[in-house]
Each structure stands twice: as C-alpha cells, then as structure tokens.
Full PDB file with SEQRES, HELIX, SHEET, SSBOND, CRYST1, ORIGX, SCALE, CONECT and MASTER records, all heavy atoms in Angstrom:
SEQRES   1 A   40  TYR VAL ASP TRP ARG ALA LYS ASN PRO SER ASP ASP ILE          
SEQRES   2 A   40  MET THR GLU LEU LEU ASN ALA GLU PHE THR ASP GLU THR          
SEQRES   3 A   40  GLY THR ARG ARG ARG LEU THR ARG ASP GLU ILE LEU ILE          
SEQRES   4 A   40  PHE                                                          
HELIX    1 AA1 VAL A    2  LYS A    7  1                                   6    
HELIX    2 AA2 ILE A   13  ASN A   19  1                                   7    
HELIX    3 AA3 ARG A   34  ILE A   39  1                                   6    
SHEET    1 AA1 2 GLU A  21  THR A  23  0                                        
SHEET    2 AA1 2 ARG A  29  ARG A  31 -1                                        
CRYST1    1.000    1.000    1.000  90.00  90.00  90.00 P 1           1          
ORIGX1      1.000000  0.000000  0.000000        0.00000                         
ORIGX2      0.000000  1.000000  0.000000        0.00000                         
ORIGX3      0.000000  0.000000  1.000000        0.00000                         
SCALE1      1.000000  0.000000  0.000000        0.00000                         
SCALE2      0.000000  1.000000  0.000000        0.00000                         
SCALE3      0.000000  0.000000  1.000000        0.00000                         
ATOM      1  N   TYR A   1      -8.894  13.566  -0.692  1.00  0.00           N  
ATOM      2  CA  TYR A   1      -9.531  13.441  -2.006  1.00  0.00           C  
ATOM      3  C   TYR A   1      -8.964  12.260  -2.775  1.00  0.00           C  
ATOM      4  O   TYR A   1      -9.702  11.507  -3.417  1.00  0.00           O  
ATOM      5  CB  TYR A   1      -9.342  14.727  -2.821  1.00  0.00           C  
ATOM      6  CG  TYR A   1      -9.764  15.970  -2.109  1.00  0.00           C  
ATOM      7  CD1 TYR A   1      -8.966  17.097  -2.121  1.00  0.00           C  
ATOM      8  CD2 TYR A   1     -10.973  16.027  -1.408  1.00  0.00           C  
ATOM      9  CE1 TYR A   1      -9.354  18.254  -1.461  1.00  0.00           C  
ATOM     10  CE2 TYR A   1     -11.352  17.172  -0.743  1.00  0.00           C  
ATOM     11  CZ  TYR A   1     -10.542  18.291  -0.776  1.00  0.00           C  
ATOM     12  OH  TYR A   1     -10.923  19.416  -0.117  1.00  0.00           O  
ATOM     13  N   VAL A   2      -7.634  12.098  -2.720  1.00  0.00           N  
ATOM     14  CA  VAL A   2      -6.998  10.981  -3.416  1.00  0.00           C  
ATOM     15  C   VAL A   2      -7.466   9.652  -2.830  1.00  0.00           C  
ATOM     16  O   VAL A   2      -7.819   8.717  -3.570  1.00  0.00           O  
ATOM     17  CB  VAL A   2      -5.462  11.107  -3.350  1.00  0.00           C  
ATOM     18  CG1 VAL A   2      -4.799   9.842  -3.891  1.00  0.00           C  
ATOM     19  CG2 VAL A   2      -4.983  12.319  -4.149  1.00  0.00           C  
ATOM     20  N   ASP A   3      -7.498   9.564  -1.514  1.00  0.00           N  
ATOM     21  CA  ASP A   3      -7.913   8.316  -0.874  1.00  0.00           C  
ATOM     22  C   ASP A   3      -9.379   8.000  -1.170  1.00  0.00           C  
ATOM     23  O   ASP A   3      -9.733   6.839  -1.423  1.00  0.00           O  
ATOM     24  CB  ASP A   3      -7.687   8.403   0.638  1.00  0.00           C  
ATOM     25  CG  ASP A   3      -6.213   8.465   1.006  1.00  0.00           C  
ATOM     26  OD1 ASP A   3      -5.378   8.119   0.147  1.00  0.00           O  
ATOM     27  OD2 ASP A   3      -5.886   8.881   2.134  1.00  0.00           O  
ATOM     28  N   TRP A   4     -10.221   9.027  -1.150  1.00  0.00           N  
ATOM     29  CA  TRP A   4     -11.641   8.809  -1.429  1.00  0.00           C  
ATOM     30  C   TRP A   4     -11.853   8.394  -2.882  1.00  0.00           C  
ATOM     31  O   TRP A   4     -12.613   7.483  -3.179  1.00  0.00           O  
ATOM     32  CB  TRP A   4     -12.434  10.072  -1.126  1.00  0.00           C  
ATOM     33  CG  TRP A   4     -13.923   9.871  -1.197  1.00  0.00           C  
ATOM     34  CD1 TRP A   4     -14.753   9.427  -0.206  1.00  0.00           C  
ATOM     35  CD2 TRP A   4     -14.759  10.097  -2.344  1.00  0.00           C  
ATOM     36  NE1 TRP A   4     -16.057   9.367  -0.643  1.00  0.00           N  
ATOM     37  CE2 TRP A   4     -16.097   9.767  -1.962  1.00  0.00           C  
ATOM     38  CE3 TRP A   4     -14.534  10.546  -3.646  1.00  0.00           C  
ATOM     39  CZ2 TRP A   4     -17.173   9.874  -2.826  1.00  0.00           C  
ATOM     40  CZ3 TRP A   4     -15.605  10.657  -4.514  1.00  0.00           C  
ATOM     41  CH2 TRP A   4     -16.911  10.317  -4.112  1.00  0.00           C  
ATOM     42  N   ARG A   5     -11.119   9.051  -3.799  1.00  0.00           N  
ATOM     43  CA  ARG A   5     -11.279   8.741  -5.221  1.00  0.00           C  
ATOM     44  C   ARG A   5     -10.767   7.351  -5.540  1.00  0.00           C  
ATOM     45  O   ARG A   5     -11.297   6.678  -6.439  1.00  0.00           O  
ATOM     46  CB  ARG A   5     -10.568   9.803  -6.068  1.00  0.00           C  
ATOM     47  CG  ARG A   5     -10.793   9.669  -7.562  1.00  0.00           C  
ATOM     48  CD  ARG A   5     -12.279   9.705  -7.903  1.00  0.00           C  
ATOM     49  NE  ARG A   5     -12.832  11.045  -7.836  1.00  0.00           N  
ATOM     50  CZ  ARG A   5     -14.126  11.303  -7.690  1.00  0.00           C  
ATOM     51  NH1 ARG A   5     -14.989  10.305  -7.567  1.00  0.00           N  
ATOM     52  NH2 ARG A   5     -14.565  12.533  -7.637  1.00  0.00           N  
ATOM     53  N   ALA A   6      -9.753   6.879  -4.824  1.00  0.00           N  
ATOM     54  CA  ALA A   6      -9.249   5.513  -5.046  1.00  0.00           C  
ATOM     55  C   ALA A   6     -10.343   4.483  -4.789  1.00  0.00           C  
ATOM     56  O   ALA A   6     -10.393   3.428  -5.436  1.00  0.00           O  
ATOM     57  CB  ALA A   6      -8.050   5.254  -4.158  1.00  0.00           C  
ATOM     58  N   LYS A   7     -11.236   4.791  -3.842  1.00  0.00           N  
ATOM     59  CA  LYS A   7     -12.333   3.885  -3.524  1.00  0.00           C  
ATOM     60  C   LYS A   7     -13.592   4.185  -4.336  1.00  0.00           C  
ATOM     61  O   LYS A   7     -14.493   3.339  -4.415  1.00  0.00           O  
ATOM     62  CB  LYS A   7     -12.658   3.977  -2.034  1.00  0.00           C  
ATOM     63  CG  LYS A   7     -11.499   3.598  -1.127  1.00  0.00           C  
ATOM     64  CD  LYS A   7     -11.851   3.841   0.330  1.00  0.00           C  
ATOM     65  CE  LYS A   7     -10.672   3.541   1.242  1.00  0.00           C  
ATOM     66  NZ  LYS A   7     -10.978   3.865   2.666  1.00  0.00           N  
ATOM     67  N   ASN A   8     -13.652   5.384  -4.925  1.00  0.00           N  
ATOM     68  CA  ASN A   8     -14.837   5.821  -5.668  1.00  0.00           C  
ATOM     69  C   ASN A   8     -14.413   6.407  -7.009  1.00  0.00           C  
ATOM     70  O   ASN A   8     -14.427   7.626  -7.202  1.00  0.00           O  
ATOM     71  CB  ASN A   8     -15.622   6.857  -4.868  1.00  0.00           C  
ATOM     72  CG  ASN A   8     -16.082   6.343  -3.532  1.00  0.00           C  
ATOM     73  OD1 ASN A   8     -17.133   5.730  -3.421  1.00  0.00           O  
ATOM     74  ND2 ASN A   8     -15.276   6.580  -2.497  1.00  0.00           N  
ATOM     75  N   PRO A   9     -13.984   5.592  -7.961  1.00  0.00           N  
ATOM     76  CA  PRO A   9     -13.497   6.101  -9.247  1.00  0.00           C  
ATOM     77  C   PRO A   9     -14.573   6.864 -10.001  1.00  0.00           C  
ATOM     78  O   PRO A   9     -15.770   6.605  -9.846  1.00  0.00           O  
ATOM     79  CB  PRO A   9     -13.077   4.833  -9.998  1.00  0.00           C  
ATOM     80  CG  PRO A   9     -13.819   3.726  -9.330  1.00  0.00           C  
ATOM     81  CD  PRO A   9     -13.959   4.123  -7.896  1.00  0.00           C  
ATOM     82  N   SER A  10     -14.121   7.822 -10.812  1.00  0.00           N  
ATOM     83  CA  SER A  10     -15.047   8.649 -11.585  1.00  0.00           C  
ATOM     84  C   SER A  10     -14.361   9.057 -12.882  1.00  0.00           C  
ATOM     85  O   SER A  10     -13.246   8.612 -13.176  1.00  0.00           O  
ATOM     86  CB  SER A  10     -15.455   9.881 -10.768  1.00  0.00           C  
ATOM     87  OG  SER A  10     -16.391  10.671 -11.464  1.00  0.00           O  
ATOM     88  N   ASP A  11     -15.014   9.911 -13.644  1.00  0.00           N  
ATOM     89  CA  ASP A  11     -14.455  10.386 -14.918  1.00  0.00           C  
ATOM     90  C   ASP A  11     -13.723  11.694 -14.670  1.00  0.00           C  
ATOM     91  O   ASP A  11     -14.195  12.775 -15.003  1.00  0.00           O  
ATOM     92  CB  ASP A  11     -15.579  10.575 -15.942  1.00  0.00           C  
ATOM     93  CG  ASP A  11     -15.041  10.997 -17.314  1.00  0.00           C  
ATOM     94  OD1 ASP A  11     -13.838  10.773 -17.566  1.00  0.00           O  
ATOM     95  OD2 ASP A  11     -15.818  11.565 -18.109  1.00  0.00           O  
ATOM     96  N   ASP A  12     -12.546  11.609 -14.038  1.00  0.00           N  
ATOM     97  CA  ASP A  12     -11.762  12.808 -13.761  1.00  0.00           C  
ATOM     98  C   ASP A  12     -10.273  12.462 -13.829  1.00  0.00           C  
ATOM     99  O   ASP A  12      -9.879  11.306 -13.952  1.00  0.00           O  
ATOM    100  CB  ASP A  12     -12.139  13.438 -12.413  1.00  0.00           C  
ATOM    101  CG  ASP A  12     -11.988  12.476 -11.241  1.00  0.00           C  
ATOM    102  OD1 ASP A  12     -11.067  11.646 -11.278  1.00  0.00           O  
ATOM    103  OD2 ASP A  12     -12.796  12.547 -10.305  1.00  0.00           O  
ATOM    104  N   ILE A  13      -9.450  13.498 -13.750  1.00  0.00           N  
ATOM    105  CA  ILE A  13      -8.005  13.317 -13.892  1.00  0.00           C  
ATOM    106  C   ILE A  13      -7.445  12.466 -12.758  1.00  0.00           C  
ATOM    107  O   ILE A  13      -6.560  11.632 -12.963  1.00  0.00           O  
ATOM    108  CB  ILE A  13      -7.302  14.694 -13.935  1.00  0.00           C  
ATOM    109  CG1 ILE A  13      -7.629  15.402 -15.250  1.00  0.00           C  
ATOM    110  CG2 ILE A  13      -5.791  14.537 -13.788  1.00  0.00           C  
ATOM    111  CD1 ILE A  13      -7.067  16.801 -15.336  1.00  0.00           C  
ATOM    112  N   MET A  14      -7.960  12.684 -11.539  1.00  0.00           N  
ATOM    113  CA  MET A  14      -7.433  11.931 -10.408  1.00  0.00           C  
ATOM    114  C   MET A  14      -7.599  10.427 -10.618  1.00  0.00           C  
ATOM    115  O   MET A  14      -6.688   9.631 -10.342  1.00  0.00           O  
ATOM    116  CB  MET A  14      -8.107  12.382  -9.119  1.00  0.00           C  
ATOM    117  CG  MET A  14      -7.285  12.077  -7.880  1.00  0.00           C  
ATOM    118  SD  MET A  14      -8.029  12.699  -6.363  1.00  0.00           S  
ATOM    119  CE  MET A  14      -7.816  14.456  -6.544  1.00  0.00           C  
ATOM    120  N   THR A  15      -8.755  10.019 -11.132  1.00  0.00           N  
ATOM    121  CA  THR A  15      -8.985   8.600 -11.400  1.00  0.00           C  
ATOM    122  C   THR A  15      -8.049   8.103 -12.492  1.00  0.00           C  
ATOM    123  O   THR A  15      -7.501   6.988 -12.396  1.00  0.00           O  
ATOM    124  CB  THR A  15     -10.448   8.373 -11.816  1.00  0.00           C  
ATOM    125  OG1 THR A  15     -11.309   8.807 -10.755  1.00  0.00           O  
ATOM    126  CG2 THR A  15     -10.720   6.908 -12.097  1.00  0.00           C  
ATOM    127  N   GLU A  16      -7.852   8.920 -13.533  1.00  0.00           N  
ATOM    128  CA  GLU A  16      -6.926   8.525 -14.606  1.00  0.00           C  
ATOM    129  C   GLU A  16      -5.513   8.354 -14.070  1.00  0.00           C  
ATOM    130  O   GLU A  16      -4.802   7.422 -14.445  1.00  0.00           O  
ATOM    131  CB  GLU A  16      -6.961   9.560 -15.735  1.00  0.00           C  
ATOM    132  CG  GLU A  16      -8.259   9.570 -16.523  1.00  0.00           C  
ATOM    133  CD  GLU A  16      -8.107  10.266 -17.866  1.00  0.00           C  
ATOM    134  OE1 GLU A  16      -7.123  10.005 -18.571  1.00  0.00           O  
ATOM    135  OE2 GLU A  16      -8.991  11.083 -18.196  1.00  0.00           O  
ATOM    136  N   LEU A  17      -5.086   9.256 -13.185  1.00  0.00           N  
ATOM    137  CA  LEU A  17      -3.748   9.154 -12.614  1.00  0.00           C  
ATOM    138  C   LEU A  17      -3.617   7.918 -11.727  1.00  0.00           C  
ATOM    139  O   LEU A  17      -2.578   7.249 -11.723  1.00  0.00           O  
ATOM    140  CB  LEU A  17      -3.416  10.407 -11.804  1.00  0.00           C  
ATOM    141  CG  LEU A  17      -3.221  11.702 -12.602  1.00  0.00           C  
ATOM    142  CD1 LEU A  17      -3.026  12.888 -11.662  1.00  0.00           C  
ATOM    143  CD2 LEU A  17      -2.039  11.591 -13.556  1.00  0.00           C  
ATOM    144  N   LEU A  18      -4.664   7.617 -10.981  1.00  0.00           N  
ATOM    145  CA  LEU A  18      -4.638   6.438 -10.118  1.00  0.00           C  
ATOM    146  C   LEU A  18      -4.496   5.136 -10.911  1.00  0.00           C  
ATOM    147  O   LEU A  18      -3.882   4.171 -10.447  1.00  0.00           O  
ATOM    148  CB  LEU A  18      -5.903   6.387  -9.265  1.00  0.00           C  
ATOM    149  CG  LEU A  18      -5.962   7.368  -8.079  1.00  0.00           C  
ATOM    150  CD1 LEU A  18      -7.405   7.539  -7.603  1.00  0.00           C  
ATOM    151  CD2 LEU A  18      -5.075   6.870  -6.945  1.00  0.00           C  
ATOM    152  N   ASN A  19      -5.052   5.116 -12.118  1.00  0.00           N  
ATOM    153  CA  ASN A  19      -5.064   3.894 -12.924  1.00  0.00           C  
ATOM    154  C   ASN A  19      -3.984   3.844 -13.995  1.00  0.00           C  
ATOM    155  O   ASN A  19      -3.787   2.806 -14.633  1.00  0.00           O  
ATOM    156  CB  ASN A  19      -6.434   3.732 -13.591  1.00  0.00           C  
ATOM    157  CG  ASN A  19      -7.543   3.507 -12.572  1.00  0.00           C  
ATOM    158  OD1 ASN A  19      -7.326   2.855 -11.559  1.00  0.00           O  
ATOM    159  ND2 ASN A  19      -8.716   4.047 -12.844  1.00  0.00           N  
ATOM    160  N   ALA A  20      -3.305   4.950 -14.216  1.00  0.00           N  
ATOM    161  CA  ALA A  20      -2.330   5.015 -15.312  1.00  0.00           C  
ATOM    162  C   ALA A  20      -1.138   4.098 -15.053  1.00  0.00           C  
ATOM    163  O   ALA A  20      -0.595   4.060 -13.945  1.00  0.00           O  
ATOM    164  CB  ALA A  20      -1.849   6.450 -15.489  1.00  0.00           C  
ATOM    165  N   GLU A  21      -0.741   3.361 -16.072  1.00  0.00           N  
ATOM    166  CA  GLU A  21       0.461   2.543 -16.007  1.00  0.00           C  
ATOM    167  C   GLU A  21       1.513   3.151 -16.934  1.00  0.00           C  
ATOM    168  O   GLU A  21       1.196   3.638 -18.015  1.00  0.00           O  
ATOM    169  CB  GLU A  21       0.169   1.102 -16.419  1.00  0.00           C  
ATOM    170  CG  GLU A  21      -0.701   0.341 -15.419  1.00  0.00           C  
ATOM    171  CD  GLU A  21      -0.774  -1.137 -15.743  1.00  0.00           C  
ATOM    172  OE1 GLU A  21      -0.204  -1.544 -16.771  1.00  0.00           O  
ATOM    173  OE2 GLU A  21      -1.392  -1.882 -14.959  1.00  0.00           O  
ATOM    174  N   PHE A  22       2.765   3.102 -16.500  1.00  0.00           N  
ATOM    175  CA  PHE A  22       3.833   3.703 -17.300  1.00  0.00           C  
ATOM    176  C   PHE A  22       5.145   3.004 -16.971  1.00  0.00           C  
ATOM    177  O   PHE A  22       5.252   2.282 -15.982  1.00  0.00           O  
ATOM    178  CB  PHE A  22       3.937   5.205 -17.019  1.00  0.00           C  
ATOM    179  CG  PHE A  22       4.433   5.530 -15.625  1.00  0.00           C  
ATOM    180  CD1 PHE A  22       5.739   5.930 -15.408  1.00  0.00           C  
ATOM    181  CD2 PHE A  22       3.584   5.418 -14.524  1.00  0.00           C  
ATOM    182  CE1 PHE A  22       6.202   6.222 -14.131  1.00  0.00           C  
ATOM    183  CE2 PHE A  22       4.033   5.716 -13.243  1.00  0.00           C  
ATOM    184  CZ  PHE A  22       5.342   6.119 -13.046  1.00  0.00           C  
ATOM    185  N   THR A  23       6.138   3.237 -17.815  1.00  0.00           N  
ATOM    186  CA  THR A  23       7.476   2.711 -17.581  1.00  0.00           C  
ATOM    187  C   THR A  23       8.325   3.824 -17.010  1.00  0.00           C  
ATOM    188  O   THR A  23       8.509   4.870 -17.646  1.00  0.00           O  
ATOM    189  CB  THR A  23       8.090   2.181 -18.882  1.00  0.00           C  
ATOM    190  OG1 THR A  23       7.235   1.177 -19.430  1.00  0.00           O  
ATOM    191  CG2 THR A  23       9.474   1.617 -18.635  1.00  0.00           C  
ATOM    192  N   ASP A  24       8.843   3.650 -15.795  1.00  0.00           N  
ATOM    193  CA  ASP A  24       9.584   4.726 -15.151  1.00  0.00           C  
ATOM    194  C   ASP A  24      11.032   4.779 -15.632  1.00  0.00           C  
ATOM    195  O   ASP A  24      11.433   4.013 -16.540  1.00  0.00           O  
ATOM    196  CB  ASP A  24       9.490   4.632 -13.626  1.00  0.00           C  
ATOM    197  CG  ASP A  24      10.226   3.427 -13.047  1.00  0.00           C  
ATOM    198  OD1 ASP A  24      11.050   2.808 -13.743  1.00  0.00           O  
ATOM    199  OD2 ASP A  24       9.976   3.102 -11.860  1.00  0.00           O  
ATOM    200  N   GLU A  25      11.820   5.677 -15.016  1.00  0.00           N  
ATOM    201  CA  GLU A  25      13.184   5.911 -15.487  1.00  0.00           C  
ATOM    202  C   GLU A  25      14.100   4.722 -15.261  1.00  0.00           C  
ATOM    203  O   GLU A  25      15.194   4.645 -15.848  1.00  0.00           O  
ATOM    204  CB  GLU A  25      13.758   7.167 -14.804  1.00  0.00           C  
ATOM    205  CG  GLU A  25      14.007   7.033 -13.306  1.00  0.00           C  
ATOM    206  CD  GLU A  25      12.757   7.268 -12.468  1.00  0.00           C  
ATOM    207  OE1 GLU A  25      11.622   7.246 -13.022  1.00  0.00           O  
ATOM    208  OE2 GLU A  25      12.912   7.466 -11.251  1.00  0.00           O  
ATOM    209  N   THR A  26      13.673   3.743 -14.436  1.00  0.00           N  
ATOM    210  CA  THR A  26      14.481   2.538 -14.212  1.00  0.00           C  
ATOM    211  C   THR A  26      14.084   1.401 -15.152  1.00  0.00           C  
ATOM    212  O   THR A  26      14.667   0.323 -15.097  1.00  0.00           O  
ATOM    213  CB  THR A  26      14.322   2.039 -12.757  1.00  0.00           C  
ATOM    214  OG1 THR A  26      12.985   1.539 -12.570  1.00  0.00           O  
ATOM    215  CG2 THR A  26      14.591   3.160 -11.765  1.00  0.00           C  
ATOM    216  N   GLY A  27      13.061   1.639 -15.992  1.00  0.00           N  
ATOM    217  CA  GLY A  27      12.565   0.605 -16.883  1.00  0.00           C  
ATOM    218  C   GLY A  27      11.488  -0.264 -16.278  1.00  0.00           C  
ATOM    219  O   GLY A  27      11.048  -1.246 -16.893  1.00  0.00           O  
ATOM    220  N   THR A  28      11.033   0.098 -15.067  1.00  0.00           N  
ATOM    221  CA  THR A  28       9.999  -0.676 -14.374  1.00  0.00           C  
ATOM    222  C   THR A  28       8.608  -0.239 -14.814  1.00  0.00           C  
ATOM    223  O   THR A  28       8.322   0.962 -14.868  1.00  0.00           O  
ATOM    224  CB  THR A  28      10.127  -0.500 -12.848  1.00  0.00           C  
ATOM    225  OG1 THR A  28      11.442  -0.880 -12.441  1.00  0.00           O  
ATOM    226  CG2 THR A  28       9.088  -1.338 -12.114  1.00  0.00           C  
ATOM    227  N   ARG A  29       7.767  -1.215 -15.129  1.00  0.00           N  
ATOM    228  CA  ARG A  29       6.380  -0.920 -15.466  1.00  0.00           C  
ATOM    229  C   ARG A  29       5.571  -0.843 -14.171  1.00  0.00           C  
ATOM    230  O   ARG A  29       5.549  -1.808 -13.389  1.00  0.00           O  
ATOM    231  CB  ARG A  29       5.812  -2.015 -16.372  1.00  0.00           C  
ATOM    232  CG  ARG A  29       4.432  -1.716 -16.961  1.00  0.00           C  
ATOM    233  CD  ARG A  29       4.510  -0.664 -18.022  1.00  0.00           C  
ATOM    234  NE  ARG A  29       3.188  -0.361 -18.588  1.00  0.00           N  
ATOM    235  CZ  ARG A  29       2.968   0.656 -19.418  1.00  0.00           C  
ATOM    236  NH1 ARG A  29       3.971   1.442 -19.781  1.00  0.00           N  
ATOM    237  NH2 ARG A  29       1.759   0.879 -19.897  1.00  0.00           N  
ATOM    238  N   ARG A  30       4.903   0.280 -13.917  1.00  0.00           N  
ATOM    239  CA  ARG A  30       4.206   0.442 -12.642  1.00  0.00           C  
ATOM    240  C   ARG A  30       3.152   1.548 -12.735  1.00  0.00           C  
ATOM    241  O   ARG A  30       2.990   2.183 -13.777  1.00  0.00           O  
ATOM    242  CB  ARG A  30       5.194   0.800 -11.532  1.00  0.00           C  
ATOM    243  CG  ARG A  30       5.891   2.163 -11.703  1.00  0.00           C  
ATOM    244  CD  ARG A  30       6.825   2.428 -10.529  1.00  0.00           C  
ATOM    245  NE  ARG A  30       7.532   3.700 -10.628  1.00  0.00           N  
ATOM    246  CZ  ARG A  30       7.067   4.863 -10.156  1.00  0.00           C  
ATOM    247  NH1 ARG A  30       5.868   4.918  -9.591  1.00  0.00           N  
ATOM    248  NH2 ARG A  30       7.795   5.963 -10.263  1.00  0.00           N  
ATOM    249  N   ARG A  31       2.457   1.746 -11.611  1.00  0.00           N  
ATOM    250  CA  ARG A  31       1.545   2.878 -11.468  1.00  0.00           C  
ATOM    251  C   ARG A  31       2.200   3.943 -10.586  1.00  0.00           C  
ATOM    252  O   ARG A  31       3.191   3.674  -9.897  1.00  0.00           O  
ATOM    253  CB  ARG A  31       0.217   2.422 -10.842  1.00  0.00           C  
ATOM    254  CG  ARG A  31      -0.605   1.519 -11.750  1.00  0.00           C  
ATOM    255  CD  ARG A  31      -1.955   1.190 -11.121  1.00  0.00           C  
ATOM    256  NE  ARG A  31      -2.775   0.388 -12.030  1.00  0.00           N  
ATOM    257  CZ  ARG A  31      -4.018   0.006 -11.760  1.00  0.00           C  
ATOM    258  NH1 ARG A  31      -4.588   0.349 -10.601  1.00  0.00           N  
ATOM    259  NH2 ARG A  31      -4.696  -0.719 -12.623  1.00  0.00           N  
ATOM    260  N   LEU A  32       1.632   5.141 -10.608  1.00  0.00           N  
ATOM    261  CA  LEU A  32       2.129   6.203  -9.743  1.00  0.00           C  
ATOM    262  C   LEU A  32       1.915   5.841  -8.278  1.00  0.00           C  
ATOM    263  O   LEU A  32       0.910   5.230  -7.918  1.00  0.00           O  
ATOM    264  CB  LEU A  32       1.390   7.516 -10.038  1.00  0.00           C  
ATOM    265  CG  LEU A  32       1.677   8.188 -11.377  1.00  0.00           C  
ATOM    266  CD1 LEU A  32       0.645   9.283 -11.640  1.00  0.00           C  
ATOM    267  CD2 LEU A  32       3.086   8.772 -11.414  1.00  0.00           C  
ATOM    268  N   THR A  33       2.874   6.224  -7.450  1.00  0.00           N  
ATOM    269  CA  THR A  33       2.691   6.057  -6.016  1.00  0.00           C  
ATOM    270  C   THR A  33       1.708   7.110  -5.507  1.00  0.00           C  
ATOM    271  O   THR A  33       1.422   8.111  -6.173  1.00  0.00           O  
ATOM    272  CB  THR A  33       4.019   6.216  -5.265  1.00  0.00           C  
ATOM    273  OG1 THR A  33       4.460   7.577  -5.384  1.00  0.00           O  
ATOM    274  CG2 THR A  33       5.084   5.278  -5.820  1.00  0.00           C  
ATOM    275  N   ARG A  34       1.211   6.871  -4.298  1.00  0.00           N  
ATOM    276  CA  ARG A  34       0.289   7.837  -3.702  1.00  0.00           C  
ATOM    277  C   ARG A  34       0.959   9.204  -3.561  1.00  0.00           C  
ATOM    278  O   ARG A  34       0.339  10.245  -3.837  1.00  0.00           O  
ATOM    279  CB  ARG A  34      -0.159   7.325  -2.330  1.00  0.00           C  
ATOM    280  CG  ARG A  34      -1.150   8.219  -1.581  1.00  0.00           C  
ATOM    281  CD  ARG A  34      -1.614   7.481  -0.322  1.00  0.00           C  
ATOM    282  NE  ARG A  34      -2.552   8.257   0.465  1.00  0.00           N  
ATOM    283  CZ  ARG A  34      -2.187   9.116   1.425  1.00  0.00           C  
ATOM    284  NH1 ARG A  34      -0.908   9.316   1.663  1.00  0.00           N  
ATOM    285  NH2 ARG A  34      -3.107   9.781   2.120  1.00  0.00           N  
ATOM    286  N   ASP A  35       2.223   9.239  -3.127  1.00  0.00           N  
ATOM    287  CA  ASP A  35       2.921  10.521  -2.973  1.00  0.00           C  
ATOM    288  C   ASP A  35       3.075  11.229  -4.315  1.00  0.00           C  
ATOM    289  O   ASP A  35       2.950  12.460  -4.397  1.00  0.00           O  
ATOM    290  CB  ASP A  35       4.298  10.301  -2.345  1.00  0.00           C  
ATOM    291  CG  ASP A  35       4.214   9.990  -0.859  1.00  0.00           C  
ATOM    292  OD1 ASP A  35       3.133  10.214  -0.266  1.00  0.00           O  
ATOM    293  OD2 ASP A  35       5.226   9.522  -0.293  1.00  0.00           O  
ATOM    294  N   GLU A  36       3.378  10.479  -5.368  1.00  0.00           N  
ATOM    295  CA  GLU A  36       3.503  11.088  -6.690  1.00  0.00           C  
ATOM    296  C   GLU A  36       2.184  11.697  -7.144  1.00  0.00           C  
ATOM    297  O   GLU A  36       2.155  12.800  -7.705  1.00  0.00           O  
ATOM    298  CB  GLU A  36       3.988  10.048  -7.708  1.00  0.00           C  
ATOM    299  CG  GLU A  36       5.455   9.676  -7.550  1.00  0.00           C  
ATOM    300  CD  GLU A  36       5.866   8.524  -8.448  1.00  0.00           C  
ATOM    301  OE1 GLU A  36       5.014   7.641  -8.735  1.00  0.00           O  
ATOM    302  OE2 GLU A  36       7.027   8.484  -8.867  1.00  0.00           O  
ATOM    303  N   ILE A  37       1.094  11.002  -6.915  1.00  0.00           N  
ATOM    304  CA  ILE A  37      -0.218  11.525  -7.306  1.00  0.00           C  
ATOM    305  C   ILE A  37      -0.547  12.789  -6.523  1.00  0.00           C  
ATOM    306  O   ILE A  37      -1.050  13.777  -7.077  1.00  0.00           O  
ATOM    307  CB  ILE A  37      -1.309  10.458  -7.101  1.00  0.00           C  
ATOM    308  CG1 ILE A  37      -1.114   9.319  -8.105  1.00  0.00           C  
ATOM    309  CG2 ILE A  37      -2.710  11.068  -7.257  1.00  0.00           C  
ATOM    310  CD1 ILE A  37      -2.027   8.144  -7.898  1.00  0.00           C  
ATOM    311  N   LEU A  38      -0.228  12.799  -5.223  1.00  0.00           N  
ATOM    312  CA  LEU A  38      -0.470  13.989  -4.413  1.00  0.00           C  
ATOM    313  C   LEU A  38       0.276  15.194  -4.963  1.00  0.00           C  
ATOM    314  O   LEU A  38      -0.257  16.308  -5.039  1.00  0.00           O  
ATOM    315  CB  LEU A  38      -0.046  13.729  -2.965  1.00  0.00           C  
ATOM    316  CG  LEU A  38      -0.972  12.857  -2.121  1.00  0.00           C  
ATOM    317  CD1 LEU A  38      -0.300  12.474  -0.807  1.00  0.00           C  
ATOM    318  CD2 LEU A  38      -2.282  13.593  -1.855  1.00  0.00           C  
ATOM    319  N   ILE A  39       1.520  14.980  -5.371  1.00  0.00           N  
ATOM    320  CA  ILE A  39       2.313  16.079  -5.925  1.00  0.00           C  
ATOM    321  C   ILE A  39       1.748  16.519  -7.278  1.00  0.00           C  
ATOM    322  O   ILE A  39       1.615  17.721  -7.545  1.00  0.00           O  
ATOM    323  CB  ILE A  39       3.792  15.666  -6.042  1.00  0.00           C  
ATOM    324  CG1 ILE A  39       4.394  15.501  -4.641  1.00  0.00           C  
ATOM    325  CG2 ILE A  39       4.580  16.684  -6.850  1.00  0.00           C  
ATOM    326  CD1 ILE A  39       5.756  14.848  -4.621  1.00  0.00           C  
ATOM    327  N   PHE A  40       1.415  15.582  -8.143  1.00  0.00           N  
ATOM    328  CA  PHE A  40       0.820  15.911  -9.441  1.00  0.00           C  
ATOM    329  C   PHE A  40      -0.408  16.794  -9.245  1.00  0.00           C  
ATOM    330  O   PHE A  40      -0.571  17.841  -9.899  1.00  0.00           O  
ATOM    331  CB  PHE A  40       0.392  14.624 -10.164  1.00  0.00           C  
ATOM    332  CG  PHE A  40       1.414  14.069 -11.109  1.00  0.00           C  
ATOM    333  CD1 PHE A  40       2.734  13.948 -10.738  1.00  0.00           C  
ATOM    334  CD2 PHE A  40       1.040  13.644 -12.384  1.00  0.00           C  
ATOM    335  CE1 PHE A  40       3.670  13.417 -11.614  1.00  0.00           C  
ATOM    336  CE2 PHE A  40       1.967  13.122 -13.267  1.00  0.00           C  
ATOM    337  CZ  PHE A  40       3.291  12.999 -12.875  1.00  0.00           C  
TER     338      PHE A  40                                                      
MASTER        0    0    0    3    2    0    0    6  337    1    0    4          
END                                                                             
C-alpha cells in the first residue's frame, strides 16, 4: 500500500506522511523513511 501510494498520491494520511517534512532529533530536515511510514 505504501509503495503504491507513493506512485499514486491521494487525499489520505499515507500521502501526507509520504510528503511530510520535519526536523528530526539530530536537527536534520528530512522526510520519513519508508520503514518509519510502515510503522506509523
């Protein structure tokens, strides 16, 4: 589902998580990894 949604974005939480940018605990600006999204 995650892999399919990455190629077919929609109006759902999975798409928002795939596109979300944030500053992690190391101070790095990035997006969630695939493994992190799977766990979420």
